[in-house]
Amino acid sequence: MQRRGRRTVIDLSSQPGLDFDDEAFEAEFILPRYQQKLLMPRVWALLIDMAIVFAMFLAFVLATMSEMAGGLILNRAVLGIYGAAYLTLVVTYLTLFMLSTSQTTGMCVQNLRVVNRHGHPLAPHEALLRSFGYLISTLPALFGFTWAFVDPEHLTWADKVSGTFVKRG
């Protein structure tokens, strides 16, 4: 700033550039306190989804049991096959819903939607990354989902792996 007689001249040439790009501003749903408010609705959505998957799995178990020659023999191999089938069904269910609508049935009931950092529905590669996150979240006894309760950003492993967020609407 320079004084020249009675007027003041402000030199703007040394000012840093101003960036008004939309991507520079964080959306509200990225903030940890927003994600913290969604923890219980997310739990309810997960419980609804797991109930749906369990009902489909139960139909699978009943169908396979009725076709077994000599009745059902529960041993480690059969339990391992059923466990792998359940895990496959969970991940397939979540993957198909993420690819198609960016929300599961439970999320729809709770009015939640998965979006990318810019608030847009998931692109196929983002949905597949999220599905991988679901896989690693499911394997250790659903620990990747409960991680959101101790994480400072309140994100699950699926959120972190894919760089996606859950928001209302």
Protein backbone atom coordinates (compact mmCIF):
# COMPACT_ATOMS: atom_id res chain seq x y z
CA MET A 1 0.00 0.00 0.00
CA GLN A 2 1.43 3.36 -0.98
CA ARG A 3 0.28 6.89 -0.23
CA ARG A 4 0.36 9.27 -3.15
CA GLY A 5 -0.88 12.63 -2.15
CA ARG A 6 -4.50 12.42 -1.07
CA ARG A 7 -5.23 9.01 -2.51
CA THR A 8 -4.15 5.56 -1.45
CA VAL A 9 -2.93 3.08 -4.06
CA ILE A 10 -3.18 -0.60 -3.26
CA ASP A 11 -0.89 -2.85 -5.25
CA LEU A 12 -2.58 -6.20 -5.92
CA SER A 13 0.26 -7.67 -7.96
CA SER A 14 1.78 -9.32 -4.90
CA GLN A 15 -1.47 -10.92 -3.75
CA PRO A 16 -1.71 -14.72 -3.95
CA GLY A 17 -4.04 -16.06 -6.61
CA LEU A 18 -7.56 -16.79 -5.58
CA ASP A 19 -8.92 -20.18 -6.52
CA PHE A 20 -12.68 -20.29 -6.86
CA ASP A 21 -12.79 -23.85 -8.21
CA ASP A 22 -15.70 -25.83 -6.73
CA GLU A 23 -13.43 -28.77 -5.92
CA ALA A 24 -11.40 -26.61 -3.54
CA PHE A 25 -14.34 -26.35 -1.13
CA GLU A 26 -15.22 -29.30 1.05
CA ALA A 27 -18.77 -30.55 0.94
CA GLU A 28 -20.57 -30.88 4.26
CA PHE A 29 -20.87 -34.69 3.98
CA ILE A 30 -17.06 -35.01 4.04
CA LEU A 31 -16.82 -33.53 7.52
CA PRO A 32 -16.35 -35.94 10.45
CA ARG A 33 -19.25 -34.51 12.48
CA TYR A 34 -21.62 -35.11 9.53
CA GLN A 35 -20.41 -38.70 9.23
CA GLN A 36 -20.73 -39.15 13.00
CA LYS A 37 -24.42 -38.22 12.83
CA LEU A 38 -24.92 -41.00 10.29
CA LEU A 39 -23.39 -43.80 12.39
CA MET A 40 -26.66 -45.16 13.80
CA PRO A 41 -28.60 -44.89 10.52
CA ARG A 42 -25.71 -46.75 8.88
CA VAL A 43 -25.87 -49.46 11.55
CA TRP A 44 -29.62 -49.88 10.93
CA ALA A 45 -29.04 -49.97 7.17
CA LEU A 46 -26.38 -52.66 7.62
CA LEU A 47 -28.66 -54.71 9.86
CA ILE A 48 -31.47 -54.52 7.29
CA ASP A 49 -29.08 -55.55 4.51
CA MET A 50 -27.64 -58.41 6.55
CA ALA A 51 -31.17 -59.64 7.33
CA ILE A 52 -31.99 -59.64 3.61
CA VAL A 53 -28.76 -61.46 2.76
CA PHE A 54 -29.36 -63.95 5.59
CA ALA A 55 -32.86 -64.69 4.26
CA MET A 56 -31.39 -65.37 0.80
CA PHE A 57 -28.66 -67.49 2.39
CA LEU A 58 -31.21 -69.46 4.38
CA ALA A 59 -33.07 -70.24 1.15
CA PHE A 60 -29.76 -71.42 -0.33
CA VAL A 61 -29.02 -73.64 2.68
CA LEU A 62 -32.52 -75.16 2.64
CA ALA A 63 -32.30 -75.82 -1.10
CA THR A 64 -28.89 -77.49 -0.83
CA MET A 65 -29.88 -79.49 2.25
CA SER A 66 -32.91 -80.90 0.45
CA GLU A 67 -30.68 -82.08 -2.40
CA MET A 68 -28.02 -83.79 -0.26
CA ALA A 69 -27.95 -87.52 -0.54
CA GLY A 70 -28.03 -89.17 2.85
CA GLY A 71 -29.08 -86.07 4.79
CA LEU A 72 -27.10 -83.18 6.14
CA ILE A 73 -23.71 -83.97 7.60
CA LEU A 74 -22.19 -80.90 9.21
CA ASN A 75 -18.43 -81.14 9.20
CA ARG A 76 -15.67 -78.59 8.76
CA ALA A 77 -15.73 -78.85 4.98
CA VAL A 78 -19.49 -78.27 4.70
CA LEU A 79 -19.37 -75.40 7.20
CA GLY A 80 -16.45 -73.88 5.27
CA ILE A 81 -18.41 -74.10 2.02
CA TYR A 82 -21.47 -72.49 3.62
CA GLY A 83 -19.27 -69.77 5.19
CA ALA A 84 -17.65 -69.00 1.83
CA ALA A 85 -21.08 -68.98 0.17
CA TYR A 86 -22.39 -66.51 2.76
CA LEU A 87 -19.38 -64.21 2.32
CA THR A 88 -19.77 -64.39 -1.46
CA LEU A 89 -23.47 -63.58 -1.19
CA VAL A 90 -22.83 -60.57 1.08
CA VAL A 91 -20.17 -59.09 -1.20
CA THR A 92 -22.21 -59.81 -4.35
CA TYR A 93 -25.30 -58.17 -2.84
CA LEU A 94 -23.37 -55.06 -1.84
CA THR A 95 -21.47 -54.89 -5.14
CA LEU A 96 -24.56 -55.12 -7.32
CA PHE A 97 -26.37 -52.41 -5.38
CA MET A 98 -23.34 -50.10 -5.44
CA LEU A 99 -22.93 -50.61 -9.19
CA SER A 100 -26.59 -50.03 -9.95
CA THR A 101 -27.90 -47.35 -7.56
CA SER A 102 -25.10 -46.39 -5.12
CA GLN A 103 -27.32 -47.52 -2.25
CA THR A 104 -28.47 -50.81 -0.79
CA THR A 105 -32.01 -51.64 0.30
CA GLY A 106 -31.11 -50.84 3.91
CA MET A 107 -29.62 -47.52 2.84
CA CYS A 108 -32.76 -46.72 0.89
CA VAL A 109 -34.90 -47.38 3.96
CA GLN A 110 -32.61 -45.11 6.02
CA ASN A 111 -32.48 -42.44 3.26
CA LEU A 112 -28.71 -42.82 2.77
CA ARG A 113 -26.69 -42.81 -0.43
CA VAL A 114 -23.04 -43.45 -1.24
CA VAL A 115 -21.36 -40.69 -3.22
CA ASN A 116 -17.87 -39.77 -4.30
CA ARG A 117 -15.94 -36.80 -2.93
CA HIS A 118 -17.81 -34.44 -5.27
CA GLY A 119 -21.28 -35.67 -4.25
CA HIS A 120 -21.91 -37.62 -7.46
CA PRO A 121 -23.19 -41.23 -7.64
CA LEU A 122 -20.44 -43.80 -7.88
CA ALA A 123 -18.73 -44.52 -11.17
CA PRO A 124 -18.23 -48.25 -11.87
CA HIS A 125 -14.57 -48.21 -10.80
CA GLU A 126 -15.51 -46.45 -7.53
CA ALA A 127 -18.26 -48.98 -6.88
CA LEU A 128 -15.85 -51.86 -7.46
CA LEU A 129 -13.28 -50.29 -5.13
CA ARG A 130 -16.00 -49.93 -2.51
CA SER A 131 -16.91 -53.58 -3.02
CA PHE A 132 -13.31 -54.55 -2.33
CA GLY A 133 -13.61 -52.44 0.82
CA TYR A 134 -16.75 -54.38 1.74
CA LEU A 135 -14.82 -57.62 1.32
CA ILE A 136 -12.01 -56.59 3.65
CA SER A 137 -14.55 -55.07 6.06
CA THR A 138 -16.57 -58.29 6.22
CA LEU A 139 -13.75 -60.83 6.59
CA PRO A 140 -12.63 -60.00 10.14
CA ALA A 141 -16.08 -60.41 11.76
CA LEU A 142 -17.46 -57.15 10.29
CA PHE A 143 -14.69 -55.21 12.05
CA GLY A 144 -14.25 -52.90 9.07
CA PHE A 145 -17.79 -51.62 9.56
CA THR A 146 -17.45 -51.06 13.32
CA TRP A 147 -14.21 -49.18 12.65
CA ALA A 148 -16.30 -46.05 11.98
CA PHE A 149 -17.01 -45.78 15.72
CA VAL A 150 -13.30 -45.35 16.59
CA ASP A 151 -12.07 -43.64 13.44
CA PRO A 152 -11.61 -39.84 13.85
CA GLU A 153 -13.32 -39.28 10.48
CA HIS A 154 -16.06 -41.84 11.28
CA LEU A 155 -15.44 -43.77 8.05
CA THR A 156 -15.56 -47.52 7.50
CA TRP A 157 -12.81 -49.41 5.69
CA ALA A 158 -14.99 -49.49 2.58
CA ASP A 159 -15.23 -45.68 2.72
CA LYS A 160 -11.49 -45.30 3.12
CA VAL A 161 -10.48 -47.78 0.41
CA SER A 162 -12.79 -46.26 -2.18
CA GLY A 163 -12.62 -42.60 -1.18
CA THR A 164 -16.42 -42.50 -0.98
CA PHE A 165 -18.82 -41.08 1.57
CA VAL A 166 -22.32 -41.74 2.82
CA LYS A 167 -24.77 -38.86 2.88
CA ARG A 168 -28.45 -38.25 3.44
CA GLY A 169 -30.75 -38.31 0.45
